[in-house]
Every structure is written in C-alpha cells, then in structure tokens.
Amino acid sequence: MLRAILPNKKSIGEHERDIKHEIDKKHEEEPYEFTRKDILAMIIAGYQLIMPIVLIGVVVFSLFTYWFLNFFMK
C-alpha cells in the first residue's frame, strides 16, 4: 500500500485541477453535442429506472386497499 501512494506527491486538489484542465481542453477542441439517439437513450434509461419503482408502489397500494376493504370494512 505504501508503494502505491509514495510516488504520488500531488494532493487530491491538484489532481482534480489537472483533470479538469484536460477535460476543458478536450471540449474546446471537440465540443460534445447530443444527437437524437443520445436523447432517446437517456429517456429510455430514465423510464427503465423509474418504472419498477412506480410498479412496486402500485402493487403495494393495491394490496393495502384490498386488505383494508376486506378486513376493516366488513
């Protein structure tokens, strides 16, 4: 472990500044533009992330409603 960190004399802040400078330089040379496929992929990914949570919520709510109506409303 000591060998891995010993040659590294830069602090985390210096590394962060260097990386940020490299990224800014790269984007100046070739700025990134979103295409329609990129936007569609982001929409599909968001849908895939949110939909299971929504379905679990619907199932829990429907089970609670069924339980409430059958046991407490008799």
Protein backbone atom coordinates (compact mmCIF):
# COMPACT_ATOMS: atom_id res chain seq x y z
CA MET A 1 0.00 0.00 0.00
CA LEU A 2 2.80 2.39 0.84
CA ARG A 3 4.42 1.83 -2.55
CA ALA A 4 1.19 2.76 -4.26
CA ILE A 5 0.87 6.13 -2.54
CA LEU A 6 4.53 7.09 -2.14
CA PRO A 7 5.26 8.20 -5.75
CA ASN A 8 2.07 10.24 -5.72
CA LYS A 9 3.18 13.57 -4.28
CA LYS A 10 0.29 15.64 -5.68
CA SER A 11 -2.65 16.41 -3.47
CA ILE A 12 -6.19 15.50 -4.45
CA GLY A 13 -6.93 19.13 -5.28
CA GLU A 14 -4.01 19.29 -7.71
CA HIS A 15 -5.13 16.06 -9.40
CA GLU A 16 -8.65 17.43 -9.67
CA ARG A 17 -7.43 20.68 -11.24
CA ASP A 18 -5.25 18.78 -13.72
CA ILE A 19 -8.09 16.52 -14.78
CA LYS A 20 -10.50 19.44 -15.07
CA HIS A 21 -7.97 21.31 -17.23
CA GLU A 22 -7.56 18.26 -19.51
CA ILE A 23 -11.32 17.88 -19.87
CA ASP A 24 -11.79 21.58 -20.65
CA LYS A 25 -9.00 21.39 -23.23
CA LYS A 26 -10.59 18.32 -24.84
CA HIS A 27 -14.01 20.00 -25.04
CA GLU A 28 -12.50 23.14 -26.59
CA GLU A 29 -11.00 21.02 -29.35
CA GLU A 30 -14.13 18.97 -30.00
CA PRO A 31 -17.30 20.06 -28.17
CA TYR A 32 -19.77 17.28 -27.46
CA GLU A 33 -23.22 17.61 -28.97
CA PHE A 34 -26.20 15.44 -28.14
CA THR A 35 -27.90 13.73 -31.05
CA ARG A 36 -31.47 12.47 -31.20
CA LYS A 37 -30.28 8.94 -30.45
CA ASP A 38 -28.49 10.16 -27.31
CA ILE A 39 -31.59 11.95 -26.05
CA LEU A 40 -33.79 8.93 -26.84
CA ALA A 41 -31.36 6.66 -24.99
CA MET A 42 -31.49 8.95 -21.94
CA ILE A 43 -35.29 8.93 -21.99
CA ILE A 44 -35.39 5.12 -22.21
CA ALA A 45 -32.83 4.80 -19.40
CA GLY A 46 -34.87 7.11 -17.17
CA TYR A 47 -38.02 5.12 -17.94
CA GLN A 48 -36.26 1.86 -17.07
CA LEU A 49 -35.05 3.34 -13.82
CA ILE A 50 -38.35 4.85 -12.67
CA MET A 51 -40.89 2.28 -13.91
CA PRO A 52 -40.05 -0.56 -11.46
CA ILE A 53 -40.37 1.85 -8.55
CA VAL A 54 -43.77 3.01 -9.82
CA LEU A 55 -44.96 -0.57 -10.32
CA ILE A 56 -43.88 -1.58 -6.82
CA GLY A 57 -45.77 1.42 -5.45
CA VAL A 58 -48.91 0.46 -7.38
CA VAL A 59 -48.75 -3.14 -6.14
CA VAL A 60 -48.24 -2.05 -2.51
CA PHE A 61 -51.09 0.47 -2.74
CA SER A 62 -53.45 -2.06 -4.34
CA LEU A 63 -52.61 -4.71 -1.71
CA PHE A 64 -53.18 -2.18 1.08
CA THR A 65 -56.52 -1.16 -0.46
CA TYR A 66 -57.60 -4.79 -0.84
CA TRP A 67 -56.58 -5.58 2.72
CA PHE A 68 -58.32 -2.50 4.08
CA LEU A 69 -61.57 -3.15 2.20
CA ASN A 70 -61.75 -6.86 3.07
CA PHE A 71 -60.80 -6.73 6.75
CA PHE A 72 -61.86 -3.35 8.08
CA MET A 73 -64.99 -2.67 6.02
CA LYS A 74 -66.79 -5.94 6.85
